[in-house]
Amino acid sequence: MKNFAIKHPMLFAVIVLLMLEAIVLGALLISNLAGIPLLSLDLPMLLLNAIFAIILISVMRWWGETGFNAPLHWKNLHFLIIPLVLLIGPTLFFQPQLPSSDRIIVFIIVTLLIGFQEEAIFRGVLLRTFMSRGTMQAVLISAAMFAIIHVNSFLVGRDPMFVVSQIIASFLGAIGLGALRIRMNSIMPLILLHAFNDFVQFSATGGLEAGEVALYISILKIVLGGLIALYGLYLLRGYKEGTSTVEKKLSLFERNQI
């Protein structure tokens, strides 16, 4: 499978997206047939996505190459300061309240699962898959894939305007996250950043419930995503391709195939 992903990165990425889509469609089918609220299936869907990510990375033996490493290998952690301010700062203006004790555990589990499965698949597997095309293309293509998967929000009844802004903001934000993944040589800080950001947002909005969202929130998401994208491009500016651990391992793997 590793060889297939390297030789046919786009086809491999499409297959991964289809697998994720199958989980969502399966949940929708169960919801319609059994009359179960789709929101009640969020946790099972997240668990299935996480299991899929674990199996995929294990089969490909890409744990190290997708950024799952010990803290001693982490680099440039100060790069997280600006994303933390941009992602979490505006949310604090909504004065999020700490959830009740019974909900806080649910929020922690859900946000950690979201952070793990999205970062593992998109900033881990897919970013690694496209590294043969160069760092910038790998970041942009994996960001586009991340945006595409958010089209699923249309299926779960989210406000259409919000979904459009979410797709745009997801693409822009993923550029910054992809750049951070490369420059920090680890995916672990991104998982924690992602989870913490979602936890603060869920605390501010009261949970995962779908509904109409104010226009200014949609605009704010795009603006913040754009700033994070610019920050990511800045981090990659002048970055020498072939110097990262991911690229070194990729070159070694490709040489072994010759």
Protein backbone atom coordinates (compact mmCIF):
# COMPACT_ATOMS: atom_id res chain seq x y z
CA MET A 1 0.00 0.00 0.00
CA LYS A 2 2.89 2.37 0.74
CA ASN A 3 4.31 1.80 -2.74
CA PHE A 4 0.87 2.39 -4.29
CA ALA A 5 0.45 5.67 -2.38
CA ILE A 6 3.83 6.95 -3.53
CA LYS A 7 3.31 5.97 -7.18
CA HIS A 8 -0.36 7.01 -7.41
CA PRO A 9 -0.82 9.74 -4.79
CA MET A 10 -3.98 11.29 -6.23
CA LEU A 11 -5.77 7.97 -6.68
CA PHE A 12 -4.75 6.93 -3.18
CA ALA A 13 -6.05 10.23 -1.76
CA VAL A 14 -9.39 9.81 -3.55
CA ILE A 15 -9.74 6.30 -2.08
CA VAL A 16 -9.06 7.66 1.41
CA LEU A 17 -11.69 10.38 0.96
CA LEU A 18 -14.20 7.82 -0.31
CA MET A 19 -13.60 5.67 2.76
CA LEU A 20 -14.30 8.66 5.00
CA GLU A 21 -17.38 9.50 2.95
CA ALA A 22 -18.64 5.93 3.32
CA ILE A 23 -18.61 6.34 7.11
CA VAL A 24 -20.72 9.50 6.89
CA LEU A 25 -23.18 8.00 4.42
CA GLY A 26 -23.45 4.88 6.57
CA ALA A 27 -24.33 7.04 9.58
CA LEU A 28 -26.94 8.91 7.54
CA LEU A 29 -28.48 5.62 6.42
CA ILE A 30 -28.64 4.31 10.00
CA SER A 31 -30.13 7.61 11.15
CA ASN A 32 -32.88 7.47 8.53
CA LEU A 33 -33.70 3.78 8.92
CA ALA A 34 -33.58 3.61 12.71
CA GLY A 35 -34.86 7.10 13.42
CA ILE A 36 -31.76 7.92 15.46
CA PRO A 37 -30.75 11.60 15.57
CA LEU A 38 -27.62 12.06 13.48
CA LEU A 39 -26.03 14.02 16.31
CA SER A 40 -26.19 10.86 18.45
CA LEU A 41 -23.98 9.12 15.88
CA ASP A 42 -21.22 11.75 15.99
CA LEU A 43 -19.12 9.86 18.53
CA PRO A 44 -19.36 6.49 16.69
CA MET A 45 -18.40 8.23 13.42
CA LEU A 46 -15.40 9.89 15.06
CA LEU A 47 -14.33 6.55 16.55
CA LEU A 48 -14.59 4.85 13.15
CA ASN A 49 -12.55 7.66 11.54
CA ALA A 50 -9.90 7.34 14.24
CA ILE A 51 -9.76 3.56 13.86
CA PHE A 52 -9.49 3.96 10.09
CA ALA A 53 -6.57 6.39 10.55
CA ILE A 54 -4.81 4.03 12.97
CA ILE A 55 -5.22 1.02 10.66
CA LEU A 56 -4.11 3.01 7.61
CA ILE A 57 -0.95 4.37 9.24
CA SER A 58 -0.14 0.99 10.80
CA VAL A 59 -0.52 -0.91 7.53
CA MET A 60 1.70 1.64 5.78
CA ARG A 61 4.13 1.73 8.72
CA TRP A 62 4.11 5.50 8.57
CA TRP A 63 3.84 6.43 12.25
CA GLY A 64 7.20 8.17 12.28
CA GLU A 65 6.88 9.63 8.80
CA THR A 66 3.44 11.11 9.52
CA GLY A 67 4.81 12.96 12.53
CA PHE A 68 3.97 10.72 15.48
CA ASN A 69 7.20 11.06 17.39
CA ALA A 70 8.61 11.81 20.83
CA PRO A 71 8.92 15.40 22.11
CA LEU A 72 12.69 15.33 21.69
CA HIS A 73 12.10 15.38 17.90
CA TRP A 74 9.76 18.40 17.99
CA LYS A 75 11.08 21.65 16.56
CA ASN A 76 10.07 25.33 16.49
CA LEU A 77 7.24 25.06 19.02
CA HIS A 78 7.21 28.88 19.22
CA PHE A 79 5.57 28.83 15.78
CA LEU A 80 2.36 27.84 17.61
CA ILE A 81 1.99 31.21 19.34
CA ILE A 82 0.44 33.08 16.40
CA PRO A 83 -2.03 30.27 15.48
CA LEU A 84 -3.09 30.05 19.14
CA VAL A 85 -3.81 33.76 19.22
CA LEU A 86 -5.63 33.73 15.86
CA LEU A 87 -7.70 30.60 16.52
CA ILE A 88 -8.56 30.95 20.17
CA GLY A 89 -8.33 34.70 20.83
CA PRO A 90 -11.52 35.71 18.96
CA THR A 91 -13.48 32.86 20.53
CA LEU A 92 -12.68 34.17 24.00
CA PHE A 93 -14.65 37.33 23.17
CA PHE A 94 -17.77 35.15 23.24
CA GLN A 95 -16.89 34.41 26.90
CA PRO A 96 -17.04 30.61 26.69
CA GLN A 97 -18.22 28.93 29.86
CA LEU A 98 -16.63 25.78 31.19
CA PRO A 99 -19.09 22.95 30.42
CA SER A 100 -20.79 21.04 33.21
CA SER A 101 -18.86 18.10 34.64
CA ASP A 102 -20.86 15.54 32.64
CA ARG A 103 -20.39 17.41 29.35
CA ILE A 104 -16.75 18.36 29.84
CA ILE A 105 -15.65 14.73 29.58
CA VAL A 106 -17.68 14.30 26.39
CA PHE A 107 -16.19 17.50 24.94
CA ILE A 108 -12.64 16.37 25.75
CA ILE A 109 -13.15 12.95 24.15
CA VAL A 110 -14.87 14.39 21.07
CA THR A 111 -12.32 17.16 20.49
CA LEU A 112 -9.36 14.81 20.94
CA LEU A 113 -10.91 12.38 18.45
CA ILE A 114 -11.54 15.19 15.97
CA GLY A 115 -8.01 16.50 16.38
CA PHE A 116 -6.43 13.06 16.08
CA GLN A 117 -8.34 11.72 13.08
CA GLU A 118 -8.28 14.93 11.02
CA GLU A 119 -4.60 15.67 11.64
CA ALA A 120 -3.54 12.03 11.24
CA ILE A 121 -5.29 11.67 7.90
CA PHE A 122 -4.79 15.10 6.32
CA ARG A 123 -1.60 16.52 7.86
CA GLY A 124 -0.26 13.02 8.34
CA VAL A 125 -1.06 10.47 5.64
CA LEU A 126 -2.16 12.73 2.76
CA LEU A 127 0.50 15.39 3.31
CA ARG A 128 3.12 12.63 3.41
CA THR A 129 1.66 11.04 0.28
CA PHE A 130 2.09 14.19 -1.82
CA MET A 131 5.58 15.09 -0.56
CA SER A 132 7.03 13.63 -3.75
CA ARG A 133 5.58 16.69 -5.53
CA GLY A 134 7.40 19.09 -3.25
CA THR A 135 6.55 20.70 0.05
CA MET A 136 4.35 23.51 -1.26
CA GLN A 137 2.25 21.29 -3.50
CA ALA A 138 1.89 18.71 -0.73
CA VAL A 139 0.59 21.38 1.65
CA LEU A 140 -1.83 22.87 -0.92
CA ILE A 141 -3.21 19.55 -2.18
CA SER A 142 -3.74 18.13 1.31
CA ALA A 143 -5.44 21.42 2.26
CA ALA A 144 -7.77 21.08 -0.74
CA MET A 145 -8.63 17.53 0.33
CA PHE A 146 -9.37 18.79 3.83
CA ALA A 147 -11.73 21.40 2.42
CA ILE A 148 -13.52 18.86 0.22
CA ILE A 149 -14.35 16.58 3.14
CA HIS A 150 -16.17 19.47 4.86
CA VAL A 151 -18.79 19.37 2.11
CA ASN A 152 -20.33 16.67 4.31
CA SER A 153 -21.67 19.44 6.53
CA PHE A 154 -24.35 20.05 3.90
CA LEU A 155 -25.63 16.51 4.55
CA VAL A 156 -26.08 17.00 8.29
CA GLY A 157 -28.25 20.08 8.04
CA ARG A 158 -25.79 22.88 8.75
CA ASP A 159 -26.58 26.39 7.58
CA PRO A 160 -25.49 26.50 3.87
CA MET A 161 -23.78 29.88 4.22
CA PHE A 162 -21.85 28.60 7.21
CA VAL A 163 -20.84 25.44 5.34
CA VAL A 164 -19.47 27.48 2.42
CA SER A 165 -17.45 29.61 4.81
CA GLN A 166 -16.32 26.45 6.62
CA ILE A 167 -15.05 24.92 3.37
CA ILE A 168 -13.12 28.08 2.45
CA ALA A 169 -11.78 28.56 5.98
CA SER A 170 -10.80 24.87 6.21
CA PHE A 171 -8.72 25.12 3.04
CA LEU A 172 -7.00 28.30 4.20
CA GLY A 173 -6.43 27.07 7.74
CA ALA A 174 -5.09 23.75 6.50
CA ILE A 175 -2.35 25.59 4.61
CA GLY A 176 -1.11 26.99 7.90
CA LEU A 177 -1.46 23.66 9.70
CA GLY A 178 0.39 21.86 6.91
CA ALA A 179 3.23 24.37 7.11
CA LEU A 180 3.39 23.93 10.89
CA ARG A 181 3.52 20.16 10.45
CA ILE A 182 6.54 20.51 8.17
CA ARG A 183 8.39 23.13 10.21
CA MET A 184 7.78 21.51 13.61
CA ASN A 185 8.68 18.01 12.41
CA SER A 186 5.76 16.60 14.39
CA ILE A 187 2.01 16.19 14.21
CA MET A 188 1.48 15.84 17.96
CA PRO A 189 1.37 19.59 18.77
CA LEU A 190 -1.14 20.07 15.93
CA ILE A 191 -3.47 17.43 17.39
CA LEU A 192 -3.39 19.20 20.75
CA LEU A 193 -3.86 22.64 19.11
CA HIS A 194 -6.77 21.33 17.03
CA ALA A 195 -8.44 19.70 20.04
CA PHE A 196 -7.98 22.73 22.28
CA ASN A 197 -9.37 25.07 19.62
CA ASP A 198 -12.45 22.87 19.15
CA PHE A 199 -12.94 22.55 22.91
CA VAL A 200 -12.96 26.34 23.33
CA GLN A 201 -15.35 26.73 20.37
CA PHE A 202 -17.73 24.07 21.66
CA SER A 203 -17.67 25.71 25.08
CA ALA A 204 -18.57 29.03 23.47
CA THR A 205 -21.38 27.66 21.28
CA GLY A 206 -22.74 25.10 23.72
CA GLY A 207 -21.95 21.98 21.75
CA LEU A 208 -22.10 20.33 18.34
CA GLU A 209 -25.73 21.08 17.48
CA ALA A 210 -26.39 22.21 13.92
CA GLY A 211 -28.29 25.41 13.32
CA GLU A 212 -28.26 28.82 11.72
CA VAL A 213 -25.06 30.76 12.28
CA ALA A 214 -24.68 34.53 12.25
CA LEU A 215 -23.12 35.92 9.07
CA TYR A 216 -20.34 37.71 10.92
CA ILE A 217 -19.13 34.36 12.34
CA SER A 218 -18.83 32.93 8.81
CA ILE A 219 -16.91 36.00 7.67
CA LEU A 220 -14.69 35.85 10.76
CA LYS A 221 -13.83 32.19 10.04
CA ILE A 222 -12.70 33.06 6.51
CA VAL A 223 -10.65 36.07 7.68
CA LEU A 224 -8.92 34.03 10.39
CA GLY A 225 -8.33 31.18 7.94
CA GLY A 226 -6.77 33.63 5.51
CA LEU A 227 -4.42 34.97 8.16
CA ILE A 228 -3.37 31.47 9.14
CA ALA A 229 -2.78 30.62 5.46
CA LEU A 230 -0.57 33.69 5.06
CA TYR A 231 1.33 32.67 8.16
CA GLY A 232 1.80 29.18 6.74
CA LEU A 233 3.08 30.55 3.44
CA TYR A 234 5.47 32.77 5.40
CA LEU A 235 6.79 29.74 7.29
CA LEU A 236 7.40 27.94 4.00
CA ARG A 237 8.98 30.98 2.35
CA GLY A 238 12.59 30.16 1.71
CA TYR A 239 12.16 26.70 3.20
CA LYS A 240 14.56 24.35 1.45
CA GLU A 241 12.82 21.27 0.14
CA GLY A 242 14.51 18.03 0.99
CA THR A 243 15.63 19.14 4.45
CA SER A 244 12.70 17.79 6.45
CA THR A 245 12.61 14.36 8.04
CA VAL A 246 9.63 13.46 5.87
CA GLU A 247 11.42 14.34 2.66
CA LYS A 248 14.63 12.59 3.68
CA LYS A 249 12.74 9.39 4.38
CA LEU A 250 10.82 9.78 1.13
CA SER A 251 14.04 10.10 -0.86
CA LEU A 252 15.48 7.03 0.85
CA PHE A 253 12.31 5.04 0.16
CA GLU A 254 12.27 6.03 -3.51
CA ARG A 255 15.93 5.12 -3.92
CA ASN A 256 15.23 1.69 -2.46
CA GLN A 257 12.55 1.15 -5.09
CA ILE A 258 14.98 1.69 -7.95
